[in-house]
Amino acid sequence: MDYIKVKGLQKDEVIGLVKEWIKLYPHSFNPEVNFWFYELSDNQVIIGLHDDLSTLAVSLLVIYITSAVKDTQDVEPVAAYLTVDDNEILLKQNYGRRAKIVAKGTDDDNTGVVILLENNYCVEYYFRGKAHQIKNHGLVFEEPNDVESVGNTEKEEIFVGDIIPKKKLEKSLEPDASPLNKLMWYAICTVVGLGIGFLLVHLYF
């Protein structure tokens, strides 16, 4: 299970932040991508992540949520745990390994993440160039145990498609759209195309 653990915010606040973050990238996600939310007994919030989210996308979300956490003494108020299945930040040799992602600076000039793998290999990434290994970091990968019990509990869920509705044009051209709508759009495109053609003929001949 891929998820983010958040300390210092209420569940409704976390849901609001995820919705805001989705709106920042309106063309980046499939409408069926979902997030689910569960509040632990100690007021920590778990964000369940869809399998389609890349390491880069999760890193950006971790930074966005971390920037909103203010009243906490925890050194890692937001931490993501996921299984690496892409090479946007890490190399292919890390496929299948569990990783922990935390923010390293959330200001405009120094925004990055630290990624610690289950074999304790650690890198930092600042969204420019490549990730750089951190040697002698002294960190040990450890995944929280209290998340295991969340699997069968009742959770609140949101879908990207509910936050960013599809455009009317895309709906009108879908296979299940009404023939009248499709015919209308095809007619409009045909008229525009013919108009441009006649204009070009008039200008050149």
N, C-alpha and C. Protein backbone atom coordinates (compact mmCIF):
# COMPACT_ATOMS: atom_id res chain seq x y z
N MET A 1 0.83 -1.20 0.00
CA MET A 1 0.00 0.00 0.00
C MET A 1 0.87 1.25 0.00
N ASP A 2 0.59 2.17 -0.89
CA ASP A 2 1.29 3.46 -0.94
C ASP A 2 0.45 4.49 -0.19
N TYR A 3 1.08 5.26 0.67
CA TYR A 3 0.31 6.21 1.48
C TYR A 3 1.21 7.34 2.00
N ILE A 4 0.55 8.38 2.49
CA ILE A 4 1.24 9.50 3.15
C ILE A 4 0.68 9.62 4.56
N LYS A 5 1.56 9.77 5.53
CA LYS A 5 1.14 9.95 6.91
C LYS A 5 1.37 11.41 7.31
N VAL A 6 0.30 12.06 7.82
CA VAL A 6 0.34 13.49 8.11
C VAL A 6 0.09 13.72 9.60
N LYS A 7 0.95 14.52 10.22
CA LYS A 7 0.78 14.90 11.62
C LYS A 7 0.57 16.42 11.70
N GLY A 8 -0.30 16.86 12.60
CA GLY A 8 -0.47 18.30 12.82
C GLY A 8 -1.62 18.93 12.05
N LEU A 9 -2.40 18.13 11.31
CA LEU A 9 -3.55 18.65 10.57
C LEU A 9 -4.75 17.73 10.77
N GLN A 10 -5.96 18.32 10.71
CA GLN A 10 -7.18 17.53 10.77
C GLN A 10 -7.47 16.91 9.41
N LYS A 11 -8.30 15.88 9.41
CA LYS A 11 -8.60 15.18 8.16
C LYS A 11 -9.21 16.11 7.12
N ASP A 12 -10.14 16.97 7.52
CA ASP A 12 -10.77 17.89 6.57
C ASP A 12 -9.75 18.85 5.97
N GLU A 13 -8.77 19.26 6.77
CA GLU A 13 -7.71 20.13 6.26
C GLU A 13 -6.86 19.41 5.22
N VAL A 14 -6.55 18.16 5.50
CA VAL A 14 -5.73 17.37 4.57
C VAL A 14 -6.48 17.15 3.26
N ILE A 15 -7.76 16.83 3.35
CA ILE A 15 -8.56 16.63 2.13
C ILE A 15 -8.59 17.91 1.31
N GLY A 16 -8.76 19.06 1.97
CA GLY A 16 -8.76 20.34 1.27
C GLY A 16 -7.45 20.61 0.57
N LEU A 17 -6.33 20.27 1.21
CA LEU A 17 -5.01 20.48 0.61
C LEU A 17 -4.81 19.59 -0.61
N VAL A 18 -5.25 18.34 -0.53
CA VAL A 18 -5.10 17.43 -1.68
C VAL A 18 -5.93 17.94 -2.85
N LYS A 19 -7.13 18.43 -2.59
CA LYS A 19 -7.97 18.98 -3.66
C LYS A 19 -7.30 20.19 -4.30
N GLU A 20 -6.72 21.06 -3.48
CA GLU A 20 -6.01 22.23 -4.03
C GLU A 20 -4.84 21.80 -4.88
N TRP A 21 -4.12 20.80 -4.42
CA TRP A 21 -2.95 20.30 -5.16
C TRP A 21 -3.36 19.71 -6.50
N ILE A 22 -4.45 18.96 -6.52
CA ILE A 22 -4.94 18.38 -7.78
C ILE A 22 -5.23 19.48 -8.79
N LYS A 23 -5.82 20.58 -8.33
CA LYS A 23 -6.17 21.68 -9.23
C LYS A 23 -4.94 22.37 -9.82
N LEU A 24 -3.79 22.22 -9.16
CA LEU A 24 -2.56 22.80 -9.68
C LEU A 24 -2.06 22.05 -10.92
N TYR A 25 -2.47 20.80 -11.07
CA TYR A 25 -2.01 19.95 -12.18
C TYR A 25 -3.22 19.36 -12.91
N PRO A 26 -4.06 20.20 -13.52
CA PRO A 26 -5.33 19.74 -14.09
C PRO A 26 -5.21 18.75 -15.24
N HIS A 27 -4.06 18.71 -15.91
CA HIS A 27 -3.91 17.82 -17.07
C HIS A 27 -2.94 16.67 -16.80
N SER A 28 -2.62 16.45 -15.53
CA SER A 28 -1.59 15.46 -15.21
C SER A 28 -2.12 14.11 -14.78
N PHE A 29 -3.41 14.02 -14.44
CA PHE A 29 -3.91 12.77 -13.87
C PHE A 29 -5.15 12.27 -14.59
N ASN A 30 -5.28 10.97 -14.64
CA ASN A 30 -6.49 10.34 -15.14
C ASN A 30 -7.65 10.65 -14.19
N PRO A 31 -8.85 10.92 -14.70
CA PRO A 31 -9.99 11.22 -13.83
C PRO A 31 -10.29 10.11 -12.82
N GLU A 32 -9.86 8.87 -13.11
CA GLU A 32 -10.16 7.75 -12.22
C GLU A 32 -9.15 7.62 -11.07
N VAL A 33 -8.10 8.43 -11.08
CA VAL A 33 -7.13 8.39 -9.97
C VAL A 33 -7.84 8.84 -8.69
N ASN A 34 -7.66 8.07 -7.62
CA ASN A 34 -8.36 8.39 -6.38
C ASN A 34 -7.40 8.52 -5.21
N PHE A 35 -7.88 9.16 -4.16
CA PHE A 35 -7.17 9.29 -2.89
C PHE A 35 -8.18 8.92 -1.81
N TRP A 36 -7.75 8.21 -0.79
CA TRP A 36 -8.64 7.96 0.34
C TRP A 36 -8.00 8.44 1.63
N PHE A 37 -8.84 8.77 2.61
CA PHE A 37 -8.37 9.42 3.83
C PHE A 37 -8.93 8.70 5.06
N TYR A 38 -8.05 8.53 6.04
CA TYR A 38 -8.44 7.89 7.30
C TYR A 38 -7.70 8.57 8.44
N GLU A 39 -8.43 8.83 9.54
CA GLU A 39 -7.81 9.49 10.69
C GLU A 39 -7.52 8.46 11.77
N LEU A 40 -6.27 8.37 12.19
CA LEU A 40 -5.87 7.44 13.23
C LEU A 40 -6.31 7.97 14.59
N SER A 41 -6.25 7.11 15.60
CA SER A 41 -6.71 7.48 16.94
C SER A 41 -5.87 8.60 17.57
N ASP A 42 -4.64 8.76 17.12
CA ASP A 42 -3.76 9.80 17.68
C ASP A 42 -3.79 11.07 16.83
N ASN A 43 -4.89 11.28 16.08
CA ASN A 43 -5.09 12.49 15.27
C ASN A 43 -4.12 12.62 14.11
N GLN A 44 -3.51 11.52 13.71
CA GLN A 44 -2.72 11.52 12.49
C GLN A 44 -3.61 11.07 11.34
N VAL A 45 -3.32 11.59 10.15
CA VAL A 45 -4.17 11.31 8.99
C VAL A 45 -3.37 10.50 7.97
N ILE A 46 -4.01 9.47 7.43
CA ILE A 46 -3.41 8.64 6.39
C ILE A 46 -4.07 9.00 5.05
N ILE A 47 -3.24 9.26 4.04
CA ILE A 47 -3.73 9.49 2.68
C ILE A 47 -3.34 8.27 1.85
N GLY A 48 -4.32 7.51 1.40
CA GLY A 48 -4.04 6.38 0.53
C GLY A 48 -3.81 6.87 -0.89
N LEU A 49 -2.79 6.36 -1.56
CA LEU A 49 -2.39 6.84 -2.87
C LEU A 49 -2.70 5.83 -3.97
N HIS A 50 -3.12 6.33 -5.10
CA HIS A 50 -3.40 5.49 -6.27
C HIS A 50 -2.09 4.98 -6.87
N ASP A 51 -2.14 3.79 -7.46
CA ASP A 51 -0.93 3.18 -8.04
C ASP A 51 -0.35 3.99 -9.19
N ASP A 52 -1.18 4.81 -9.86
CA ASP A 52 -0.69 5.58 -11.01
C ASP A 52 0.20 6.76 -10.62
N LEU A 53 0.24 7.12 -9.36
CA LEU A 53 1.05 8.27 -8.94
C LEU A 53 2.53 7.90 -8.93
N SER A 54 3.33 8.72 -9.60
CA SER A 54 4.77 8.47 -9.69
C SER A 54 5.48 8.97 -8.44
N THR A 55 6.74 8.60 -8.32
CA THR A 55 7.56 9.10 -7.22
C THR A 55 7.65 10.62 -7.24
N LEU A 56 7.73 11.19 -8.43
CA LEU A 56 7.80 12.64 -8.57
C LEU A 56 6.51 13.29 -8.09
N ALA A 57 5.36 12.75 -8.51
CA ALA A 57 4.07 13.32 -8.10
C ALA A 57 3.90 13.25 -6.59
N VAL A 58 4.25 12.12 -5.99
CA VAL A 58 4.13 11.97 -4.54
C VAL A 58 5.07 12.95 -3.82
N SER A 59 6.26 13.15 -4.38
CA SER A 59 7.21 14.10 -3.78
C SER A 59 6.63 15.51 -3.77
N LEU A 60 6.00 15.91 -4.86
CA LEU A 60 5.39 17.23 -4.94
C LEU A 60 4.25 17.38 -3.94
N LEU A 61 3.46 16.31 -3.77
CA LEU A 61 2.36 16.36 -2.82
C LEU A 61 2.87 16.44 -1.38
N VAL A 62 3.93 15.72 -1.07
CA VAL A 62 4.53 15.77 0.26
C VAL A 62 4.99 17.19 0.59
N ILE A 63 5.64 17.85 -0.36
CA ILE A 63 6.10 19.22 -0.15
C ILE A 63 4.92 20.17 0.05
N TYR A 64 3.87 19.98 -0.75
CA TYR A 64 2.71 20.87 -0.67
C TYR A 64 2.03 20.76 0.69
N ILE A 65 1.87 19.55 1.18
CA ILE A 65 1.21 19.37 2.49
C ILE A 65 2.12 19.84 3.62
N THR A 66 3.42 19.55 3.51
CA THR A 66 4.37 19.96 4.54
C THR A 66 4.37 21.47 4.72
N SER A 67 4.25 22.21 3.62
CA SER A 67 4.27 23.67 3.69
C SER A 67 3.08 24.23 4.46
N ALA A 68 2.03 23.41 4.64
CA ALA A 68 0.83 23.87 5.35
C ALA A 68 0.85 23.48 6.84
N VAL A 69 1.78 22.61 7.23
CA VAL A 69 1.86 22.18 8.62
C VAL A 69 2.72 23.18 9.40
N LYS A 70 2.14 23.76 10.44
CA LYS A 70 2.86 24.81 11.18
C LYS A 70 3.03 24.46 12.66
N ASP A 71 1.95 24.07 13.30
CA ASP A 71 1.97 23.88 14.76
C ASP A 71 2.29 22.44 15.13
N THR A 72 3.50 22.02 14.87
CA THR A 72 3.94 20.69 15.28
C THR A 72 5.44 20.71 15.54
N GLN A 73 5.84 19.93 16.53
CA GLN A 73 7.26 19.84 16.88
C GLN A 73 7.93 18.65 16.21
N ASP A 74 7.15 17.90 15.45
CA ASP A 74 7.70 16.70 14.81
C ASP A 74 8.64 17.10 13.68
N VAL A 75 9.79 16.44 13.60
CA VAL A 75 10.78 16.78 12.56
C VAL A 75 10.32 16.30 11.20
N GLU A 76 9.42 15.32 11.18
CA GLU A 76 8.89 14.81 9.91
C GLU A 76 7.36 14.78 9.99
N PRO A 77 6.72 15.95 9.90
CA PRO A 77 5.26 15.98 10.02
C PRO A 77 4.54 15.28 8.87
N VAL A 78 5.20 15.17 7.73
CA VAL A 78 4.60 14.52 6.56
C VAL A 78 5.62 13.55 5.97
N ALA A 79 5.21 12.31 5.81
CA ALA A 79 6.11 11.30 5.23
C ALA A 79 5.31 10.35 4.35
N ALA A 80 5.81 10.11 3.14
CA ALA A 80 5.17 9.18 2.21
C ALA A 80 5.91 7.85 2.22
N TYR A 81 5.16 6.78 2.04
CA TYR A 81 5.74 5.44 1.93
C TYR A 81 5.15 4.80 0.68
N LEU A 82 6.02 4.39 -0.22
CA LEU A 82 5.54 3.82 -1.49
C LEU A 82 6.51 2.78 -2.03
N THR A 83 6.01 2.01 -2.99
CA THR A 83 6.86 1.06 -3.70
C THR A 83 7.29 1.69 -5.01
N VAL A 84 8.59 1.77 -5.26
CA VAL A 84 9.12 2.44 -6.44
C VAL A 84 8.76 1.64 -7.70
N ASP A 85 8.09 2.30 -8.65
CA ASP A 85 7.75 1.62 -9.91
C ASP A 85 7.95 2.52 -11.12
N ASP A 86 8.82 3.53 -10.97
CA ASP A 86 9.14 4.43 -12.09
C ASP A 86 10.56 4.92 -11.92
N ASN A 87 11.09 5.60 -12.94
CA ASN A 87 12.46 6.11 -12.86
C ASN A 87 12.53 7.61 -13.07
N GLU A 88 11.48 8.34 -12.67
CA GLU A 88 11.50 9.81 -12.79
C GLU A 88 12.54 10.43 -11.88
N ILE A 89 12.77 9.82 -10.73
CA ILE A 89 13.79 10.33 -9.80
C ILE A 89 14.86 9.27 -9.56
N LEU A 90 14.45 8.06 -9.25
CA LEU A 90 15.37 6.98 -8.93
C LEU A 90 15.64 6.11 -10.15
N LEU A 91 16.74 5.39 -10.13
CA LEU A 91 17.12 4.52 -11.24
C LEU A 91 16.28 3.24 -11.25
N LYS A 92 16.26 2.58 -12.41
CA LYS A 92 15.46 1.36 -12.55
C LYS A 92 15.87 0.26 -11.59
N GLN A 93 17.10 0.28 -11.15
CA GLN A 93 17.58 -0.76 -10.24
C GLN A 93 16.85 -0.73 -8.90
N ASN A 94 16.10 0.34 -8.65
CA ASN A 94 15.37 0.47 -7.39
C ASN A 94 13.90 0.04 -7.50
N TYR A 95 13.50 -0.42 -8.68
CA TYR A 95 12.13 -0.90 -8.88
C TYR A 95 11.77 -1.95 -7.83
N GLY A 96 10.56 -1.82 -7.27
CA GLY A 96 10.07 -2.82 -6.33
C GLY A 96 10.46 -2.57 -4.89
N ARG A 97 11.34 -1.62 -4.64
CA ARG A 97 11.76 -1.34 -3.26
C ARG A 97 10.82 -0.32 -2.61
N ARG A 98 10.65 -0.47 -1.32
CA ARG A 98 9.87 0.51 -0.57
C ARG A 98 10.73 1.74 -0.32
N ALA A 99 10.08 2.90 -0.31
CA ALA A 99 10.79 4.16 -0.13
C ALA A 99 10.02 5.07 0.80
N LYS A 100 10.74 5.87 1.54
CA LYS A 100 10.15 6.90 2.40
C LYS A 100 10.56 8.25 1.82
N ILE A 101 9.59 9.17 1.71
CA ILE A 101 9.86 10.49 1.14
C ILE A 101 9.44 11.57 2.14
N VAL A 102 10.36 12.47 2.44
CA VAL A 102 10.06 13.62 3.30
C VAL A 102 10.57 14.89 2.63
N ALA A 103 9.97 16.01 2.98
CA ALA A 103 10.37 17.29 2.39
C ALA A 103 11.69 17.76 2.97
N LYS A 104 12.48 18.38 2.13
CA LYS A 104 13.74 19.00 2.58
C LYS A 104 13.71 20.45 2.10
N GLY A 105 13.11 21.31 2.91
CA GLY A 105 12.94 22.71 2.51
C GLY A 105 11.66 22.87 1.70
N THR A 106 10.87 23.89 2.04
CA THR A 106 9.62 24.12 1.31
C THR A 106 9.52 25.55 0.79
N ASP A 107 10.64 26.32 0.84
CA ASP A 107 10.61 27.66 0.28
C ASP A 107 10.95 27.60 -1.21
N ASP A 108 10.69 28.69 -1.91
CA ASP A 108 10.82 28.69 -3.37
C ASP A 108 12.25 28.42 -3.85
N ASP A 109 13.23 28.87 -3.08
CA ASP A 109 14.62 28.75 -3.53
C ASP A 109 15.29 27.44 -3.09
N ASN A 110 14.65 26.73 -2.18
CA ASN A 110 15.32 25.54 -1.63
C ASN A 110 14.28 24.46 -1.35
N THR A 111 13.59 24.04 -2.40
CA THR A 111 12.55 23.03 -2.26
C THR A 111 13.03 21.69 -2.79
N GLY A 112 12.99 20.70 -1.94
CA GLY A 112 13.45 19.38 -2.36
C GLY A 112 12.90 18.31 -1.45
N VAL A 113 13.30 17.06 -1.72
CA VAL A 113 12.88 15.93 -0.89
C VAL A 113 14.08 15.04 -0.61
N VAL A 114 13.96 14.28 0.47
CA VAL A 114 14.90 13.22 0.79
C VAL A 114 14.16 11.91 0.61
N ILE A 115 14.76 10.99 -0.14
CA ILE A 115 14.16 9.69 -0.39
C ILE A 115 15.06 8.62 0.21
N LEU A 116 14.52 7.88 1.18
CA LEU A 116 15.26 6.81 1.86
C LEU A 116 14.64 5.47 1.47
N LEU A 117 15.46 4.60 0.88
CA LEU A 117 14.98 3.28 0.46
C LEU A 117 15.10 2.26 1.59
N GLU A 118 14.39 1.14 1.42
CA GLU A 118 14.37 0.12 2.46
C GLU A 118 15.74 -0.51 2.70
N ASN A 119 16.65 -0.39 1.72
CA ASN A 119 18.03 -0.87 1.92
C ASN A 119 18.92 0.23 2.50
N ASN A 120 18.27 1.33 2.96
CA ASN A 120 18.92 2.48 3.59
C ASN A 120 19.77 3.31 2.63
N TYR A 121 19.60 3.09 1.33
CA TYR A 121 20.20 3.98 0.32
C TYR A 121 19.39 5.27 0.33
N CYS A 122 20.07 6.41 0.37
CA CYS A 122 19.39 7.69 0.57
C CYS A 122 19.84 8.71 -0.47
N VAL A 123 18.88 9.47 -1.04
CA VAL A 123 19.19 10.52 -2.00
C VAL A 123 18.40 11.78 -1.64
N GLU A 124 18.89 12.90 -2.13
CA GLU A 124 18.12 14.14 -2.06
C GLU A 124 17.90 14.64 -3.48
N TYR A 125 16.74 15.26 -3.69
CA TYR A 125 16.35 15.67 -5.03
C TYR A 125 15.70 17.05 -4.97
N TYR A 126 16.20 17.96 -5.82
CA TYR A 126 15.72 19.35 -5.81
C TYR A 126 15.02 19.75 -7.10
N PHE A 127 14.47 18.76 -7.83
CA PHE A 127 13.66 19.02 -9.02
C PHE A 127 14.43 19.71 -10.14
N ARG A 128 15.70 19.56 -10.10
CA ARG A 128 16.55 20.04 -11.21
C ARG A 128 17.73 19.07 -11.31
N GLY A 129 17.97 18.58 -12.49
CA GLY A 129 19.05 17.61 -12.64
C GLY A 129 18.69 16.26 -12.06
N LYS A 130 19.67 15.57 -11.52
CA LYS A 130 19.48 14.22 -11.00
C LYS A 130 19.50 14.21 -9.48
N ALA A 131 19.00 13.12 -8.93
CA ALA A 131 19.06 12.93 -7.49
C ALA A 131 20.50 12.63 -7.09
N HIS A 132 20.90 13.12 -5.92
CA HIS A 132 22.27 12.91 -5.44
C HIS A 132 22.26 12.08 -4.16
N GLN A 133 23.14 11.11 -4.12
CA GLN A 133 23.21 10.24 -2.95
C GLN A 133 23.72 11.00 -1.74
N ILE A 134 23.12 10.69 -0.58
CA ILE A 134 23.58 11.24 0.69
C ILE A 134 24.33 10.12 1.41
N LYS A 135 25.61 10.29 1.60
CA LYS A 135 26.41 9.29 2.29
C LYS A 135 26.49 9.63 3.78
N ASN A 136 26.66 8.60 4.61
CA ASN A 136 26.77 8.77 6.06
C ASN A 136 25.59 9.56 6.63
N HIS A 137 24.40 9.26 6.14
CA HIS A 137 23.21 9.99 6.58
C HIS A 137 22.72 9.54 7.95
N GLY A 138 23.06 8.33 8.34
CA GLY A 138 22.67 7.85 9.67
C GLY A 138 21.21 7.50 9.80
N LEU A 139 20.46 7.46 8.70
CA LEU A 139 19.03 7.15 8.75
C LEU A 139 18.79 5.66 8.57
N VAL A 140 17.72 5.16 9.18
CA VAL A 140 17.34 3.76 9.05
C VAL A 140 15.89 3.70 8.59
N PHE A 141 15.65 2.97 7.51
CA PHE A 141 14.28 2.87 7.00
C PHE A 141 13.42 2.06 7.96
N GLU A 142 12.30 2.65 8.36
CA GLU A 142 11.36 1.97 9.24
C GLU A 142 9.96 2.45 8.91
N GLU A 143 9.09 1.51 8.61
CA GLU A 143 7.72 1.86 8.23
C GLU A 143 6.82 1.75 9.46
N PRO A 144 5.89 2.70 9.65
CA PRO A 144 5.02 2.67 10.84
C PRO A 144 4.13 1.43 10.86
N ASN A 145 3.90 0.90 12.07
CA ASN A 145 3.09 -0.31 12.21
C ASN A 145 1.59 -0.03 12.30
N ASP A 146 1.23 1.19 12.72
CA ASP A 146 -0.18 1.48 12.96
C ASP A 146 -1.00 1.64 11.69
N VAL A 147 -0.34 1.63 10.53
CA VAL A 147 -1.06 1.78 9.26
C VAL A 147 -1.63 0.45 8.79
N GLU A 148 -1.08 -0.65 9.25
CA GLU A 148 -1.50 -1.97 8.80
C GLU A 148 -2.98 -2.23 9.08
N SER A 149 -3.51 -1.64 10.17
CA SER A 149 -4.89 -1.90 10.57
C SER A 149 -5.90 -1.06 9.80
N VAL A 150 -5.42 -0.17 8.92
CA VAL A 150 -6.32 0.74 8.22
C VAL A 150 -7.04 0.05 7.07
N GLY A 151 -6.49 -1.02 6.54
CA GLY A 151 -6.98 -1.64 5.32
C GLY A 151 -8.47 -1.87 5.24
N ASN A 152 -9.09 -2.39 6.31
CA ASN A 152 -10.51 -2.76 6.26
C ASN A 152 -11.42 -1.75 6.95
N THR A 153 -10.92 -0.59 7.26
CA THR A 153 -11.73 0.41 7.96
C THR A 153 -12.44 1.32 6.98
N GLU A 154 -13.43 2.05 7.47
CA GLU A 154 -14.20 2.96 6.63
C GLU A 154 -13.36 4.20 6.33
N LYS A 155 -13.31 4.58 5.07
CA LYS A 155 -12.46 5.69 4.64
C LYS A 155 -13.25 6.66 3.77
N GLU A 156 -12.80 7.90 3.74
CA GLU A 156 -13.40 8.90 2.85
C GLU A 156 -12.56 8.95 1.57
N GLU A 157 -13.23 9.00 0.43
CA GLU A 157 -12.54 8.88 -0.86
C GLU A 157 -12.90 10.02 -1.79
N ILE A 158 -11.92 10.49 -2.56
CA ILE A 158 -12.17 11.47 -3.61
C ILE A 158 -11.51 11.00 -4.90
N PHE A 159 -12.07 11.43 -6.03
CA PHE A 159 -11.52 11.10 -7.35
C PHE A 159 -11.12 12.39 -8.06
N VAL A 160 -10.05 12.31 -8.85
CA VAL A 160 -9.60 13.47 -9.62
C VAL A 160 -10.73 13.98 -10.51
N GLY A 161 -11.49 13.06 -11.10
CA GLY A 161 -12.59 13.43 -11.99
C GLY A 161 -13.68 14.23 -11.30
N ASP A 162 -13.79 14.10 -9.97
CA ASP A 162 -14.78 14.88 -9.22
C ASP A 162 -14.27 16.29 -8.93
N ILE A 163 -12.96 16.45 -8.96
CA ILE A 163 -12.36 17.76 -8.67
C ILE A 163 -12.18 18.57 -9.95
N ILE A 164 -11.79 17.89 -11.03
CA ILE A 164 -11.59 18.55 -12.33
C ILE A 164 -12.47 17.85 -13.35
N PRO A 165 -13.70 18.34 -13.59
CA PRO A 165 -14.61 17.69 -14.55
C PRO A 165 -14.02 17.70 -15.95
N LYS A 166 -14.39 16.68 -16.75
CA LYS A 166 -13.95 16.61 -18.13
C LYS A 166 -14.58 17.75 -18.94
N LYS A 167 -13.88 18.17 -19.97
CA LYS A 167 -14.41 19.23 -20.83
C LYS A 167 -15.62 18.73 -21.62
N LYS A 168 -16.53 19.66 -21.93
CA LYS A 168 -17.74 19.28 -22.67
C LYS A 168 -17.40 18.70 -24.05
N LEU A 169 -16.35 19.21 -24.66
CA LEU A 169 -15.97 18.69 -25.97
C LEU A 169 -15.55 17.24 -25.88
N GLU A 170 -14.77 16.89 -24.84
CA GLU A 170 -14.33 15.51 -24.66
C GLU A 170 -15.52 14.59 -24.42
N LYS A 171 -16.50 15.06 -23.65
CA LYS A 171 -17.69 14.25 -23.39
C LYS A 171 -18.49 14.03 -24.66
N SER A 172 -18.59 15.09 -25.49
CA SER A 172 -19.41 14.98 -26.69
C SER A 172 -18.83 14.02 -27.72
N LEU A 173 -17.51 13.76 -27.64
CA LEU A 173 -16.87 12.88 -28.60
C LEU A 173 -16.60 11.48 -28.05
N GLU A 174 -17.04 11.21 -26.83
CA GLU A 174 -16.87 9.89 -26.25
C GLU A 174 -17.75 8.88 -26.99
N PRO A 175 -17.39 7.60 -27.01
CA PRO A 175 -18.17 6.58 -27.72
C PRO A 175 -19.62 6.50 -27.29
N ASP A 176 -19.87 6.76 -25.98
CA ASP A 176 -21.25 6.65 -25.50
C ASP A 176 -22.01 7.97 -25.56
N ALA A 177 -21.41 8.99 -26.15
CA ALA A 177 -22.10 10.27 -26.29
C ALA A 177 -23.21 10.14 -27.32
N SER A 178 -24.20 11.03 -27.25
CA SER A 178 -25.33 10.93 -28.18
C SER A 178 -24.88 11.25 -29.60
N PRO A 179 -25.47 10.59 -30.63
CA PRO A 179 -25.10 10.84 -32.03
C PRO A 179 -25.31 12.30 -32.43
N LEU A 180 -26.32 12.95 -31.81
CA LEU A 180 -26.59 14.35 -32.15
C LEU A 180 -25.45 15.25 -31.74
N ASN A 181 -24.92 15.03 -30.53
CA ASN A 181 -23.80 15.86 -30.06
C ASN A 181 -22.57 15.64 -30.92
N LYS A 182 -22.28 14.36 -31.24
CA LYS A 182 -21.10 14.07 -32.05
C LYS A 182 -21.24 14.68 -33.44
N LEU A 183 -22.45 14.56 -34.02
CA LEU A 183 -22.69 15.12 -35.34
C LEU A 183 -22.51 16.63 -35.34
N MET A 184 -22.97 17.28 -34.26
CA MET A 184 -22.85 18.73 -34.16
C MET A 184 -21.38 19.15 -34.18
N TRP A 185 -20.56 18.47 -33.38
CA TRP A 185 -19.14 18.84 -33.31
C TRP A 185 -18.41 18.50 -34.61
N TYR A 186 -18.75 17.38 -35.22
CA TYR A 186 -18.13 17.05 -36.50
C TYR A 186 -18.50 18.09 -37.55
N ALA A 187 -19.75 18.57 -37.53
CA ALA A 187 -20.20 19.58 -38.48
C ALA A 187 -19.44 20.89 -38.29
N ILE A 188 -19.27 21.28 -37.02
CA ILE A 188 -18.53 22.51 -36.73
C ILE A 188 -17.11 22.41 -37.23
N CYS A 189 -16.45 21.28 -36.96
CA CYS A 189 -15.06 21.09 -37.41
C CYS A 189 -14.97 21.10 -38.93
N THR A 190 -15.97 20.50 -39.60
CA THR A 190 -15.97 20.47 -41.07
C THR A 190 -16.11 21.86 -41.65
N VAL A 191 -17.05 22.65 -41.10
CA VAL A 191 -17.26 24.02 -41.59
C VAL A 191 -16.01 24.87 -41.41
N VAL A 192 -15.40 24.77 -40.24
CA VAL A 192 -14.17 25.53 -39.98
C VAL A 192 -13.07 25.12 -40.95
N GLY A 193 -12.93 23.81 -41.18
CA GLY A 193 -11.90 23.33 -42.10
C GLY A 193 -12.13 23.81 -43.52
N LEU A 194 -13.36 23.77 -43.99
CA LEU A 194 -13.68 24.24 -45.34
C LEU A 194 -13.43 25.74 -45.45
N GLY A 195 -13.79 26.49 -44.40
CA GLY A 195 -13.57 27.93 -44.43
C GLY A 195 -12.11 28.28 -44.57
N ILE A 196 -11.27 27.58 -43.82
CA ILE A 196 -9.82 27.82 -43.91
C ILE A 196 -9.32 27.46 -45.30
N GLY A 197 -9.83 26.35 -45.86
CA GLY A 197 -9.41 25.93 -47.20
C GLY A 197 -9.75 26.97 -48.25
N PHE A 198 -11.01 27.48 -48.24
CA PHE A 198 -11.42 28.49 -49.20
C PHE A 198 -10.59 29.77 -49.06
N LEU A 199 -10.27 30.12 -47.81
CA LEU A 199 -9.48 31.33 -47.59
C LEU A 199 -8.09 31.20 -48.19
N LEU A 200 -7.47 30.02 -48.00
CA LEU A 200 -6.14 29.81 -48.55
C LEU A 200 -6.16 29.85 -50.08
N VAL A 201 -7.19 29.25 -50.68
CA VAL A 201 -7.32 29.26 -52.14
C VAL A 201 -7.47 30.69 -52.65
N HIS A 202 -8.29 31.50 -51.95
CA HIS A 202 -8.52 32.88 -52.34
C HIS A 202 -7.23 33.71 -52.25
N LEU A 203 -6.44 33.48 -51.19
CA LEU A 203 -5.22 34.27 -50.99
C LEU A 203 -4.15 33.93 -52.01
N TYR A 204 -4.04 32.66 -52.38
CA TYR A 204 -2.94 32.26 -53.25
C TYR A 204 -3.30 32.27 -54.75
N PHE A 205 -4.58 32.18 -55.09
CA PHE A 205 -4.95 32.08 -56.50
C PHE A 205 -5.88 33.22 -56.94
